[in-house]
Amino acid sequence: MEADVMHAPAAEVGRSRTLLIGSALSAASVLMFFAGLFGVYISIRQNNEYLVENQLEGGRLWFPDLAVQIAPGTMMMFTTWISLFTMAWAVQAIRNDDRRNAYVAMGLTILMGAAVINQMVFAITDFGVPIDRSVPSLLLYTLYGAYIAFMAIAMIFVLLMGIRALAGQFDSTNADGIQAAAIIWFTAVIVYMPLWYLITITK
């Protein structure tokens, strides 16, 4: 009589992390893009300051007095910080299969993003200097415009991942989509910090 052969269960196939890896690479690309913009801004501004300090031709006042207000930019900073917690809440909720809180958290995160864009548009309007007035105004509109575009993309990404979660594609065993959205969102918050310092604080 032949002995019964015991077969070990097949190993579980590893889950693809394509979405997370793609989001991380995209976040790195965005950071490099804004680092380049910040580098150009700092370089041109330092050159202008050198001309002004040495009373050389070409040096001029960087921004008109009271053109950049501290309050709107600082309010945007606090808003982005609050959105960090709501996005982290969404990730934690979906990992606990707490869908209701996950949806609320993602909705609040998108609302925070819309508030930041609204405040930034207000700041641009309040600036009151045409984009073609000077190099500083061109740089300000470029930096703010690029950030508005990125924040809008981040909002759309969170919305799409929320729709996919609503369809049941993400839960405690697979939260990659919400985590990927968090990577992009956290990148948007990180990018605003030097932007706030360069435009709002140092002016």
N, C-alpha and C. Protein backbone atom coordinates (compact mmCIF):
# COMPACT_ATOMS: atom_id res chain seq x y z
N MET A 1 0.85 -1.19 0.00
CA MET A 1 0.00 0.00 0.00
C MET A 1 0.89 1.25 0.00
N GLU A 2 0.64 2.10 -0.94
CA GLU A 2 1.48 3.29 -1.06
C GLU A 2 1.12 4.29 0.03
N ALA A 3 2.21 4.90 0.55
CA ALA A 3 2.01 5.91 1.60
C ALA A 3 1.37 7.17 1.00
N ASP A 4 0.51 7.74 1.77
CA ASP A 4 -0.12 8.99 1.32
C ASP A 4 0.94 10.08 1.21
N VAL A 5 0.89 10.82 0.13
CA VAL A 5 1.85 11.90 -0.09
C VAL A 5 1.24 13.20 0.39
N MET A 6 1.97 13.88 1.24
CA MET A 6 1.48 15.15 1.79
C MET A 6 2.03 16.29 0.92
N HIS A 7 1.15 17.10 0.44
CA HIS A 7 1.55 18.25 -0.38
C HIS A 7 1.38 19.53 0.42
N ALA A 8 2.45 20.31 0.44
CA ALA A 8 2.39 21.61 1.13
C ALA A 8 1.55 22.58 0.30
N PRO A 9 0.81 23.45 0.94
CA PRO A 9 0.01 24.43 0.18
C PRO A 9 0.91 25.36 -0.63
N ALA A 10 0.41 25.74 -1.78
CA ALA A 10 1.20 26.62 -2.64
C ALA A 10 1.39 27.98 -1.98
N ALA A 11 2.56 28.52 -2.21
CA ALA A 11 2.86 29.83 -1.64
C ALA A 11 1.97 30.90 -2.26
N GLU A 12 1.57 31.83 -1.43
CA GLU A 12 0.70 32.90 -1.91
C GLU A 12 1.48 33.83 -2.83
N VAL A 13 0.87 34.17 -3.93
CA VAL A 13 1.53 35.05 -4.90
C VAL A 13 1.65 36.45 -4.32
N GLY A 14 2.85 37.01 -4.41
CA GLY A 14 3.09 38.34 -3.88
C GLY A 14 2.27 39.39 -4.62
N ARG A 15 1.77 40.38 -3.87
CA ARG A 15 0.96 41.43 -4.46
C ARG A 15 1.83 42.49 -5.11
N SER A 16 1.44 42.92 -6.28
CA SER A 16 2.20 43.94 -6.99
C SER A 16 2.12 45.27 -6.27
N ARG A 17 3.24 45.97 -6.21
CA ARG A 17 3.30 47.28 -5.57
C ARG A 17 3.48 48.39 -6.60
N THR A 18 2.99 48.14 -7.79
CA THR A 18 3.20 49.08 -8.90
C THR A 18 2.69 50.47 -8.57
N LEU A 19 1.51 50.57 -7.97
CA LEU A 19 0.91 51.86 -7.68
C LEU A 19 1.74 52.65 -6.68
N LEU A 20 2.21 51.97 -5.64
CA LEU A 20 3.03 52.64 -4.63
C LEU A 20 4.37 53.10 -5.22
N ILE A 21 4.99 52.21 -5.99
CA ILE A 21 6.29 52.55 -6.58
C ILE A 21 6.14 53.70 -7.57
N GLY A 22 5.10 53.64 -8.39
CA GLY A 22 4.86 54.71 -9.35
C GLY A 22 4.61 56.04 -8.67
N SER A 23 3.86 56.01 -7.58
CA SER A 23 3.57 57.25 -6.84
C SER A 23 4.84 57.80 -6.20
N ALA A 24 5.67 56.91 -5.67
CA ALA A 24 6.93 57.36 -5.06
C ALA A 24 7.85 58.00 -6.10
N LEU A 25 7.93 57.39 -7.28
CA LEU A 25 8.76 57.95 -8.35
C LEU A 25 8.19 59.29 -8.82
N SER A 26 6.87 59.37 -8.92
CA SER A 26 6.24 60.63 -9.31
C SER A 26 6.52 61.72 -8.28
N ALA A 27 6.44 61.35 -7.00
CA ALA A 27 6.71 62.32 -5.94
C ALA A 27 8.15 62.81 -6.02
N ALA A 28 9.08 61.89 -6.28
CA ALA A 28 10.49 62.29 -6.41
C ALA A 28 10.69 63.24 -7.59
N SER A 29 9.99 62.97 -8.68
CA SER A 29 10.09 63.84 -9.86
C SER A 29 9.56 65.24 -9.55
N VAL A 30 8.44 65.30 -8.83
CA VAL A 30 7.86 66.59 -8.46
C VAL A 30 8.81 67.37 -7.55
N LEU A 31 9.42 66.68 -6.60
CA LEU A 31 10.37 67.34 -5.70
C LEU A 31 11.56 67.91 -6.48
N MET A 32 12.06 67.16 -7.45
CA MET A 32 13.17 67.65 -8.26
C MET A 32 12.75 68.84 -9.11
N PHE A 33 11.52 68.79 -9.65
CA PHE A 33 11.02 69.90 -10.46
C PHE A 33 10.95 71.18 -9.64
N PHE A 34 10.35 71.10 -8.46
CA PHE A 34 10.23 72.29 -7.64
C PHE A 34 11.58 72.73 -7.08
N ALA A 35 12.46 71.78 -6.81
CA ALA A 35 13.81 72.15 -6.37
C ALA A 35 14.50 72.99 -7.44
N GLY A 36 14.30 72.62 -8.71
CA GLY A 36 14.86 73.41 -9.81
C GLY A 36 14.27 74.80 -9.86
N LEU A 37 12.93 74.90 -9.70
CA LEU A 37 12.28 76.22 -9.69
C LEU A 37 12.79 77.08 -8.53
N PHE A 38 12.90 76.46 -7.36
CA PHE A 38 13.39 77.21 -6.20
C PHE A 38 14.83 77.67 -6.42
N GLY A 39 15.63 76.80 -7.04
CA GLY A 39 17.02 77.17 -7.32
C GLY A 39 17.12 78.37 -8.25
N VAL A 40 16.29 78.39 -9.29
CA VAL A 40 16.27 79.52 -10.22
C VAL A 40 15.83 80.79 -9.48
N TYR A 41 14.79 80.67 -8.67
CA TYR A 41 14.28 81.83 -7.93
C TYR A 41 15.36 82.40 -7.01
N ILE A 42 16.00 81.53 -6.24
CA ILE A 42 17.02 81.98 -5.28
C ILE A 42 18.22 82.59 -6.00
N SER A 43 18.62 81.99 -7.09
CA SER A 43 19.77 82.50 -7.84
C SER A 43 19.51 83.90 -8.38
N ILE A 44 18.35 84.09 -9.01
CA ILE A 44 18.02 85.41 -9.58
C ILE A 44 17.85 86.44 -8.47
N ARG A 45 17.24 86.03 -7.38
CA ARG A 45 17.03 86.99 -6.29
C ARG A 45 18.34 87.39 -5.63
N GLN A 46 19.23 86.45 -5.42
CA GLN A 46 20.53 86.78 -4.83
C GLN A 46 21.33 87.70 -5.74
N ASN A 47 21.25 87.47 -7.03
CA ASN A 47 21.93 88.35 -7.97
C ASN A 47 21.36 89.77 -7.89
N ASN A 48 20.03 89.87 -7.76
CA ASN A 48 19.39 91.18 -7.64
C ASN A 48 19.83 91.88 -6.36
N GLU A 49 19.89 91.12 -5.25
CA GLU A 49 20.31 91.71 -3.98
C GLU A 49 21.75 92.22 -4.06
N TYR A 50 22.59 91.50 -4.76
CA TYR A 50 23.98 91.94 -4.93
C TYR A 50 24.03 93.27 -5.68
N LEU A 51 23.22 93.39 -6.73
CA LEU A 51 23.19 94.63 -7.50
C LEU A 51 22.66 95.79 -6.67
N VAL A 52 21.65 95.52 -5.85
CA VAL A 52 21.07 96.57 -5.02
C VAL A 52 22.07 97.02 -3.96
N GLU A 53 22.69 96.04 -3.27
CA GLU A 53 23.63 96.38 -2.20
C GLU A 53 24.82 97.17 -2.71
N ASN A 54 25.25 96.89 -3.91
CA ASN A 54 26.42 97.58 -4.47
C ASN A 54 26.03 98.74 -5.39
N GLN A 55 24.72 99.04 -5.40
CA GLN A 55 24.20 100.16 -6.19
C GLN A 55 24.64 100.07 -7.65
N LEU A 56 24.51 98.87 -8.20
CA LEU A 56 24.87 98.65 -9.59
C LEU A 56 23.63 98.71 -10.46
N GLU A 57 23.86 98.92 -11.74
CA GLU A 57 22.75 99.02 -12.67
C GLU A 57 22.02 97.69 -12.79
N GLY A 58 20.72 97.74 -12.82
CA GLY A 58 19.90 96.53 -12.95
C GLY A 58 19.26 96.09 -11.65
N GLY A 59 19.78 96.58 -10.51
CA GLY A 59 19.19 96.21 -9.23
C GLY A 59 17.90 96.99 -8.99
N ARG A 60 16.91 96.32 -8.42
CA ARG A 60 15.62 96.96 -8.20
C ARG A 60 14.92 96.31 -7.02
N LEU A 61 13.89 97.01 -6.52
CA LEU A 61 13.08 96.46 -5.45
C LEU A 61 12.44 95.16 -5.93
N TRP A 62 12.58 94.09 -5.12
CA TRP A 62 12.13 92.77 -5.56
C TRP A 62 10.62 92.72 -5.72
N PHE A 63 9.88 92.94 -4.62
CA PHE A 63 8.43 93.04 -4.67
C PHE A 63 8.02 94.42 -4.15
N PRO A 64 6.97 95.01 -4.71
CA PRO A 64 6.48 96.29 -4.17
C PRO A 64 6.07 96.14 -2.71
N ASP A 65 6.15 97.22 -1.96
CA ASP A 65 5.76 97.19 -0.55
C ASP A 65 4.32 96.73 -0.39
N LEU A 66 4.12 95.83 0.57
CA LEU A 66 2.79 95.30 0.92
C LEU A 66 2.16 94.47 -0.19
N ALA A 67 2.95 94.13 -1.23
CA ALA A 67 2.39 93.32 -2.31
C ALA A 67 2.17 91.88 -1.86
N VAL A 68 3.03 91.38 -0.99
CA VAL A 68 2.91 90.01 -0.46
C VAL A 68 2.57 90.09 1.02
N GLN A 69 1.40 89.62 1.37
CA GLN A 69 0.94 89.65 2.76
C GLN A 69 1.31 88.34 3.46
N ILE A 70 1.62 88.45 4.75
CA ILE A 70 2.01 87.27 5.52
C ILE A 70 0.82 86.39 5.85
N ALA A 71 -0.32 86.99 6.15
CA ALA A 71 -1.48 86.23 6.63
C ALA A 71 -1.96 85.15 5.66
N PRO A 72 -2.19 85.46 4.36
CA PRO A 72 -2.70 84.41 3.47
C PRO A 72 -1.73 83.23 3.32
N GLY A 73 -0.45 83.55 3.16
CA GLY A 73 0.53 82.47 3.00
C GLY A 73 0.64 81.59 4.24
N THR A 74 0.60 82.22 5.41
CA THR A 74 0.68 81.46 6.66
C THR A 74 -0.57 80.64 6.87
N MET A 75 -1.71 81.17 6.51
CA MET A 75 -2.96 80.41 6.61
C MET A 75 -2.91 79.17 5.72
N MET A 76 -2.34 79.33 4.52
CA MET A 76 -2.17 78.18 3.63
C MET A 76 -1.26 77.12 4.26
N MET A 77 -0.21 77.58 4.94
CA MET A 77 0.70 76.65 5.61
C MET A 77 -0.04 75.83 6.66
N PHE A 78 -0.81 76.50 7.51
CA PHE A 78 -1.56 75.78 8.54
C PHE A 78 -2.59 74.83 7.92
N THR A 79 -3.19 75.25 6.82
CA THR A 79 -4.18 74.39 6.16
C THR A 79 -3.54 73.12 5.63
N THR A 80 -2.35 73.24 5.03
CA THR A 80 -1.65 72.04 4.54
C THR A 80 -1.26 71.13 5.69
N TRP A 81 -0.87 71.70 6.82
CA TRP A 81 -0.51 70.88 7.97
C TRP A 81 -1.72 70.10 8.49
N ILE A 82 -2.87 70.74 8.53
CA ILE A 82 -4.08 70.04 8.97
C ILE A 82 -4.40 68.89 8.02
N SER A 83 -4.19 69.12 6.72
CA SER A 83 -4.49 68.07 5.74
C SER A 83 -3.58 66.87 5.89
N LEU A 84 -2.40 67.05 6.48
CA LEU A 84 -1.53 65.90 6.77
C LEU A 84 -2.24 64.91 7.67
N PHE A 85 -2.90 65.42 8.69
CA PHE A 85 -3.58 64.55 9.65
C PHE A 85 -4.81 63.89 9.04
N THR A 86 -5.55 64.62 8.22
CA THR A 86 -6.74 64.01 7.61
C THR A 86 -6.35 62.92 6.61
N MET A 87 -5.25 63.14 5.87
CA MET A 87 -4.81 62.11 4.92
C MET A 87 -4.28 60.87 5.65
N ALA A 88 -3.54 61.10 6.73
CA ALA A 88 -3.06 59.97 7.54
C ALA A 88 -4.25 59.23 8.18
N TRP A 89 -5.26 59.97 8.56
CA TRP A 89 -6.48 59.37 9.11
C TRP A 89 -7.13 58.47 8.07
N ALA A 90 -7.16 58.90 6.81
CA ALA A 90 -7.76 58.08 5.75
C ALA A 90 -7.02 56.76 5.59
N VAL A 91 -5.69 56.82 5.62
CA VAL A 91 -4.89 55.59 5.48
C VAL A 91 -5.16 54.64 6.64
N GLN A 92 -5.15 55.18 7.86
CA GLN A 92 -5.37 54.35 9.03
C GLN A 92 -6.77 53.75 9.02
N ALA A 93 -7.75 54.53 8.61
CA ALA A 93 -9.14 54.05 8.60
C ALA A 93 -9.32 52.90 7.61
N ILE A 94 -8.77 53.05 6.40
CA ILE A 94 -8.95 51.99 5.40
C ILE A 94 -8.21 50.73 5.82
N ARG A 95 -7.09 50.87 6.52
CA ARG A 95 -6.35 49.70 7.00
C ARG A 95 -7.09 48.99 8.13
N ASN A 96 -8.01 49.70 8.77
CA ASN A 96 -8.84 49.10 9.81
C ASN A 96 -10.22 48.72 9.29
N ASP A 97 -10.41 48.79 7.96
CA ASP A 97 -11.71 48.50 7.34
C ASP A 97 -12.81 49.43 7.85
N ASP A 98 -12.40 50.61 8.27
CA ASP A 98 -13.37 51.61 8.73
C ASP A 98 -13.66 52.54 7.55
N ARG A 99 -14.50 52.09 6.65
CA ARG A 99 -14.74 52.80 5.40
C ARG A 99 -15.39 54.17 5.62
N ARG A 100 -16.30 54.25 6.54
CA ARG A 100 -16.99 55.52 6.75
C ARG A 100 -15.99 56.62 7.11
N ASN A 101 -15.12 56.35 8.07
CA ASN A 101 -14.13 57.34 8.46
C ASN A 101 -13.12 57.60 7.34
N ALA A 102 -12.83 56.58 6.55
CA ALA A 102 -11.91 56.76 5.43
C ALA A 102 -12.49 57.75 4.42
N TYR A 103 -13.77 57.61 4.12
CA TYR A 103 -14.41 58.51 3.17
C TYR A 103 -14.47 59.95 3.72
N VAL A 104 -14.79 60.05 5.02
CA VAL A 104 -14.84 61.38 5.64
C VAL A 104 -13.47 62.03 5.59
N ALA A 105 -12.43 61.26 5.92
CA ALA A 105 -11.07 61.79 5.95
C ALA A 105 -10.62 62.24 4.57
N MET A 106 -10.91 61.44 3.55
CA MET A 106 -10.52 61.83 2.19
C MET A 106 -11.30 63.05 1.72
N GLY A 107 -12.57 63.11 2.09
CA GLY A 107 -13.36 64.29 1.74
C GLY A 107 -12.81 65.55 2.38
N LEU A 108 -12.43 65.46 3.66
CA LEU A 108 -11.85 66.61 4.34
C LEU A 108 -10.51 67.00 3.72
N THR A 109 -9.73 66.00 3.32
CA THR A 109 -8.45 66.28 2.69
C THR A 109 -8.63 67.06 1.39
N ILE A 110 -9.57 66.61 0.57
CA ILE A 110 -9.86 67.31 -0.69
C ILE A 110 -10.36 68.72 -0.40
N LEU A 111 -11.17 68.87 0.64
CA LEU A 111 -11.67 70.19 1.03
C LEU A 111 -10.52 71.11 1.43
N MET A 112 -9.55 70.57 2.16
CA MET A 112 -8.37 71.36 2.54
C MET A 112 -7.59 71.79 1.30
N GLY A 113 -7.45 70.89 0.34
CA GLY A 113 -6.75 71.24 -0.89
C GLY A 113 -7.45 72.35 -1.64
N ALA A 114 -8.79 72.28 -1.70
CA ALA A 114 -9.56 73.33 -2.36
C ALA A 114 -9.39 74.66 -1.64
N ALA A 115 -9.30 74.62 -0.31
CA ALA A 115 -9.11 75.84 0.47
C ALA A 115 -7.74 76.46 0.18
N VAL A 116 -6.72 75.62 0.04
CA VAL A 116 -5.38 76.11 -0.27
C VAL A 116 -5.37 76.79 -1.64
N ILE A 117 -5.98 76.14 -2.62
CA ILE A 117 -6.03 76.74 -3.96
C ILE A 117 -6.78 78.06 -3.94
N ASN A 118 -7.89 78.10 -3.21
CA ASN A 118 -8.67 79.33 -3.10
C ASN A 118 -7.84 80.45 -2.47
N GLN A 119 -7.12 80.12 -1.40
CA GLN A 119 -6.30 81.11 -0.73
C GLN A 119 -5.14 81.58 -1.62
N MET A 120 -4.59 80.65 -2.40
CA MET A 120 -3.48 81.01 -3.28
C MET A 120 -3.95 81.91 -4.42
N VAL A 121 -5.13 81.63 -4.96
CA VAL A 121 -5.68 82.51 -5.99
C VAL A 121 -5.94 83.89 -5.42
N PHE A 122 -6.44 83.95 -4.19
CA PHE A 122 -6.64 85.23 -3.53
C PHE A 122 -5.32 85.98 -3.37
N ALA A 123 -4.26 85.25 -2.97
CA ALA A 123 -2.95 85.88 -2.80
C ALA A 123 -2.43 86.43 -4.12
N ILE A 124 -2.64 85.69 -5.21
CA ILE A 124 -2.20 86.16 -6.52
C ILE A 124 -2.98 87.41 -6.91
N THR A 125 -4.29 87.39 -6.67
CA THR A 125 -5.12 88.56 -6.99
C THR A 125 -4.71 89.77 -6.16
N ASP A 126 -4.41 89.52 -4.88
CA ASP A 126 -4.02 90.59 -3.97
C ASP A 126 -2.64 91.14 -4.31
N PHE A 127 -1.82 90.34 -4.96
CA PHE A 127 -0.48 90.77 -5.35
C PHE A 127 -0.56 92.01 -6.24
N GLY A 128 -1.49 92.01 -7.16
CA GLY A 128 -1.80 93.20 -7.93
C GLY A 128 -0.75 93.67 -8.91
N VAL A 129 0.21 92.81 -9.26
CA VAL A 129 1.25 93.18 -10.21
C VAL A 129 1.13 92.27 -11.43
N PRO A 130 1.05 92.80 -12.63
CA PRO A 130 0.93 91.95 -13.83
C PRO A 130 2.11 90.99 -13.97
N ILE A 131 1.85 89.85 -14.58
CA ILE A 131 2.88 88.83 -14.72
C ILE A 131 4.05 89.32 -15.55
N ASP A 132 3.80 90.21 -16.50
CA ASP A 132 4.88 90.69 -17.37
C ASP A 132 5.50 92.00 -16.87
N ARG A 133 5.21 92.36 -15.62
CA ARG A 133 5.73 93.62 -15.05
C ARG A 133 7.23 93.53 -14.79
N SER A 134 7.67 92.38 -14.27
CA SER A 134 9.08 92.22 -13.91
C SER A 134 9.42 90.75 -13.78
N VAL A 135 10.70 90.46 -13.65
CA VAL A 135 11.15 89.08 -13.45
C VAL A 135 10.61 88.53 -12.13
N PRO A 136 10.67 89.26 -11.01
CA PRO A 136 10.10 88.74 -9.76
C PRO A 136 8.63 88.35 -9.88
N SER A 137 7.83 89.18 -10.54
CA SER A 137 6.41 88.84 -10.68
C SER A 137 6.22 87.59 -11.54
N LEU A 138 7.05 87.45 -12.58
CA LEU A 138 6.99 86.25 -13.42
C LEU A 138 7.33 85.01 -12.59
N LEU A 139 8.35 85.11 -11.76
CA LEU A 139 8.73 83.97 -10.92
C LEU A 139 7.65 83.64 -9.90
N LEU A 140 7.02 84.67 -9.32
CA LEU A 140 5.97 84.42 -8.33
C LEU A 140 4.79 83.70 -8.99
N TYR A 141 4.37 84.19 -10.15
CA TYR A 141 3.24 83.56 -10.83
C TYR A 141 3.60 82.13 -11.27
N THR A 142 4.85 81.93 -11.67
CA THR A 142 5.28 80.59 -12.09
C THR A 142 5.26 79.61 -10.92
N LEU A 143 5.80 80.04 -9.77
CA LEU A 143 5.84 79.17 -8.60
C LEU A 143 4.43 78.87 -8.09
N TYR A 144 3.62 79.91 -7.95
CA TYR A 144 2.26 79.70 -7.46
C TYR A 144 1.43 78.90 -8.47
N GLY A 145 1.60 79.19 -9.75
CA GLY A 145 0.84 78.46 -10.76
C GLY A 145 1.20 76.99 -10.79
N ALA A 146 2.50 76.69 -10.68
CA ALA A 146 2.94 75.29 -10.66
C ALA A 146 2.39 74.57 -9.44
N TYR A 147 2.38 75.27 -8.30
CA TYR A 147 1.87 74.62 -7.09
C TYR A 147 0.36 74.38 -7.16
N ILE A 148 -0.38 75.35 -7.70
CA ILE A 148 -1.82 75.16 -7.86
C ILE A 148 -2.10 73.95 -8.74
N ALA A 149 -1.33 73.80 -9.83
CA ALA A 149 -1.52 72.66 -10.73
C ALA A 149 -1.23 71.35 -10.01
N PHE A 150 -0.17 71.32 -9.22
CA PHE A 150 0.18 70.09 -8.51
C PHE A 150 -0.84 69.76 -7.43
N MET A 151 -1.31 70.77 -6.71
CA MET A 151 -2.32 70.53 -5.68
C MET A 151 -3.61 70.01 -6.31
N ALA A 152 -3.98 70.55 -7.48
CA ALA A 152 -5.18 70.07 -8.17
C ALA A 152 -5.02 68.61 -8.57
N ILE A 153 -3.83 68.24 -9.05
CA ILE A 153 -3.56 66.84 -9.41
C ILE A 153 -3.67 65.95 -8.18
N ALA A 154 -3.11 66.40 -7.06
CA ALA A 154 -3.18 65.62 -5.82
C ALA A 154 -4.62 65.43 -5.38
N MET A 155 -5.43 66.47 -5.50
CA MET A 155 -6.85 66.35 -5.14
C MET A 155 -7.57 65.34 -6.03
N ILE A 156 -7.29 65.40 -7.32
CA ILE A 156 -7.92 64.46 -8.26
C ILE A 156 -7.51 63.03 -7.93
N PHE A 157 -6.23 62.85 -7.59
CA PHE A 157 -5.73 61.51 -7.27
C PHE A 157 -6.42 60.96 -6.02
N VAL A 158 -6.54 61.79 -4.99
CA VAL A 158 -7.24 61.35 -3.77
C VAL A 158 -8.69 61.02 -4.09
N LEU A 159 -9.34 61.83 -4.92
CA LEU A 159 -10.73 61.57 -5.31
C LEU A 159 -10.86 60.24 -6.03
N LEU A 160 -9.96 59.96 -6.98
CA LEU A 160 -10.02 58.70 -7.73
C LEU A 160 -9.81 57.50 -6.82
N MET A 161 -8.85 57.61 -5.89
CA MET A 161 -8.61 56.51 -4.96
C MET A 161 -9.80 56.33 -4.03
N GLY A 162 -10.47 57.45 -3.68
CA GLY A 162 -11.67 57.35 -2.87
C GLY A 162 -12.80 56.63 -3.60
N ILE A 163 -12.93 56.90 -4.90
CA ILE A 163 -13.95 56.22 -5.71
C ILE A 163 -13.65 54.73 -5.80
N ARG A 164 -12.37 54.41 -5.97
CA ARG A 164 -11.98 52.99 -6.03
C ARG A 164 -12.23 52.30 -4.69
N ALA A 165 -11.98 53.03 -3.59
CA ALA A 165 -12.28 52.45 -2.27
C ALA A 165 -13.78 52.24 -2.10
N LEU A 166 -14.57 53.18 -2.61
CA LEU A 166 -16.02 53.06 -2.54
C LEU A 166 -16.50 51.84 -3.32
N ALA A 167 -15.76 51.49 -4.39
CA ALA A 167 -16.11 50.32 -5.19
C ALA A 167 -15.61 49.02 -4.56
N GLY A 168 -14.93 49.13 -3.43
CA GLY A 168 -14.49 47.94 -2.71
C GLY A 168 -13.12 47.41 -3.12
N GLN A 169 -12.33 48.21 -3.81
CA GLN A 169 -11.03 47.73 -4.27
C GLN A 169 -9.95 47.82 -3.20
N PHE A 170 -10.19 48.62 -2.15
CA PHE A 170 -9.19 48.77 -1.10
C PHE A 170 -9.81 48.42 0.25
N ASP A 171 -9.02 47.72 1.07
CA ASP A 171 -9.46 47.34 2.41
C ASP A 171 -8.22 47.10 3.26
N SER A 172 -8.38 46.40 4.38
CA SER A 172 -7.26 46.18 5.29
C SER A 172 -6.17 45.32 4.68
N THR A 173 -6.50 44.50 3.70
CA THR A 173 -5.50 43.64 3.07
C THR A 173 -4.84 44.31 1.87
N ASN A 174 -5.42 45.36 1.38
CA ASN A 174 -4.86 46.06 0.22
C ASN A 174 -5.24 47.54 0.30
N ALA A 175 -4.34 48.32 0.90
CA ALA A 175 -4.58 49.76 1.06
C ALA A 175 -3.64 50.57 0.18
N ASP A 176 -3.08 49.92 -0.86
CA ASP A 176 -2.06 50.57 -1.66
C ASP A 176 -2.53 51.89 -2.29
N GLY A 177 -3.77 51.91 -2.77
CA GLY A 177 -4.26 53.11 -3.45
C GLY A 177 -4.32 54.31 -2.52
N ILE A 178 -4.81 54.10 -1.30
CA ILE A 178 -4.90 55.20 -0.34
C ILE A 178 -3.51 55.61 0.12
N GLN A 179 -2.62 54.64 0.28
CA GLN A 179 -1.24 54.97 0.66
C GLN A 179 -0.54 55.74 -0.46
N ALA A 180 -0.81 55.37 -1.71
CA ALA A 180 -0.22 56.08 -2.84
C ALA A 180 -0.72 57.52 -2.88
N ALA A 181 -2.02 57.71 -2.61
CA ALA A 181 -2.57 59.06 -2.56
C ALA A 181 -1.92 59.86 -1.43
N ALA A 182 -1.64 59.19 -0.32
CA ALA A 182 -0.98 59.86 0.81
C ALA A 182 0.43 60.31 0.42
N ILE A 183 1.14 59.50 -0.34
CA ILE A 183 2.49 59.87 -0.78
C ILE A 183 2.45 61.16 -1.60
N ILE A 184 1.53 61.21 -2.55
CA ILE A 184 1.41 62.41 -3.38
C ILE A 184 0.99 63.61 -2.54
N TRP A 185 0.05 63.39 -1.62
CA TRP A 185 -0.44 64.50 -0.81
C TRP A 185 0.65 65.03 0.13
N PHE A 186 1.37 64.12 0.77
CA PHE A 186 2.45 64.55 1.65
C PHE A 186 3.51 65.33 0.88
N THR A 187 3.74 64.93 -0.38
CA THR A 187 4.69 65.66 -1.22
C THR A 187 4.21 67.08 -1.46
N ALA A 188 2.91 67.25 -1.69
CA ALA A 188 2.36 68.59 -1.88
C ALA A 188 2.55 69.45 -0.64
N VAL A 189 2.40 68.86 0.52
CA VAL A 189 2.60 69.61 1.77
C VAL A 189 4.07 69.98 1.94
N ILE A 190 4.96 69.05 1.64
CA ILE A 190 6.40 69.31 1.77
C ILE A 190 6.83 70.42 0.82
N VAL A 191 6.32 70.41 -0.40
CA VAL A 191 6.71 71.40 -1.39
C VAL A 191 6.30 72.80 -0.95
N TYR A 192 5.16 72.91 -0.28
CA TYR A 192 4.70 74.25 0.09
C TYR A 192 5.58 74.91 1.15
N MET A 193 6.27 74.14 1.97
CA MET A 193 7.06 74.72 3.06
C MET A 193 8.13 75.68 2.55
N PRO A 194 9.03 75.25 1.63
CA PRO A 194 10.00 76.22 1.11
C PRO A 194 9.34 77.31 0.27
N LEU A 195 8.23 77.00 -0.40
CA LEU A 195 7.52 78.03 -1.16
C LEU A 195 7.00 79.12 -0.23
N TRP A 196 6.44 78.71 0.89
CA TRP A 196 5.96 79.67 1.90
C TRP A 196 7.11 80.53 2.41
N TYR A 197 8.24 79.91 2.68
CA TYR A 197 9.38 80.67 3.23
C TYR A 197 9.93 81.66 2.19
N LEU A 198 10.06 81.23 0.96
CA LEU A 198 10.65 82.08 -0.07
C LEU A 198 9.76 83.25 -0.45
N ILE A 199 8.46 83.00 -0.57
CA ILE A 199 7.54 84.04 -1.03
C ILE A 199 6.96 84.85 0.12
N THR A 200 6.48 84.18 1.16
CA THR A 200 5.77 84.87 2.22
C THR A 200 6.69 85.49 3.26
N ILE A 201 7.73 84.77 3.65
CA ILE A 201 8.59 85.23 4.74
C ILE A 201 9.71 86.14 4.25
N THR A 202 10.53 85.63 3.32
CA THR A 202 11.66 86.45 2.87
C THR A 202 11.25 87.52 1.88
N LYS A 203 10.12 87.32 1.17
CA LYS A 203 9.59 88.29 0.22
C LYS A 203 10.67 88.77 -0.75
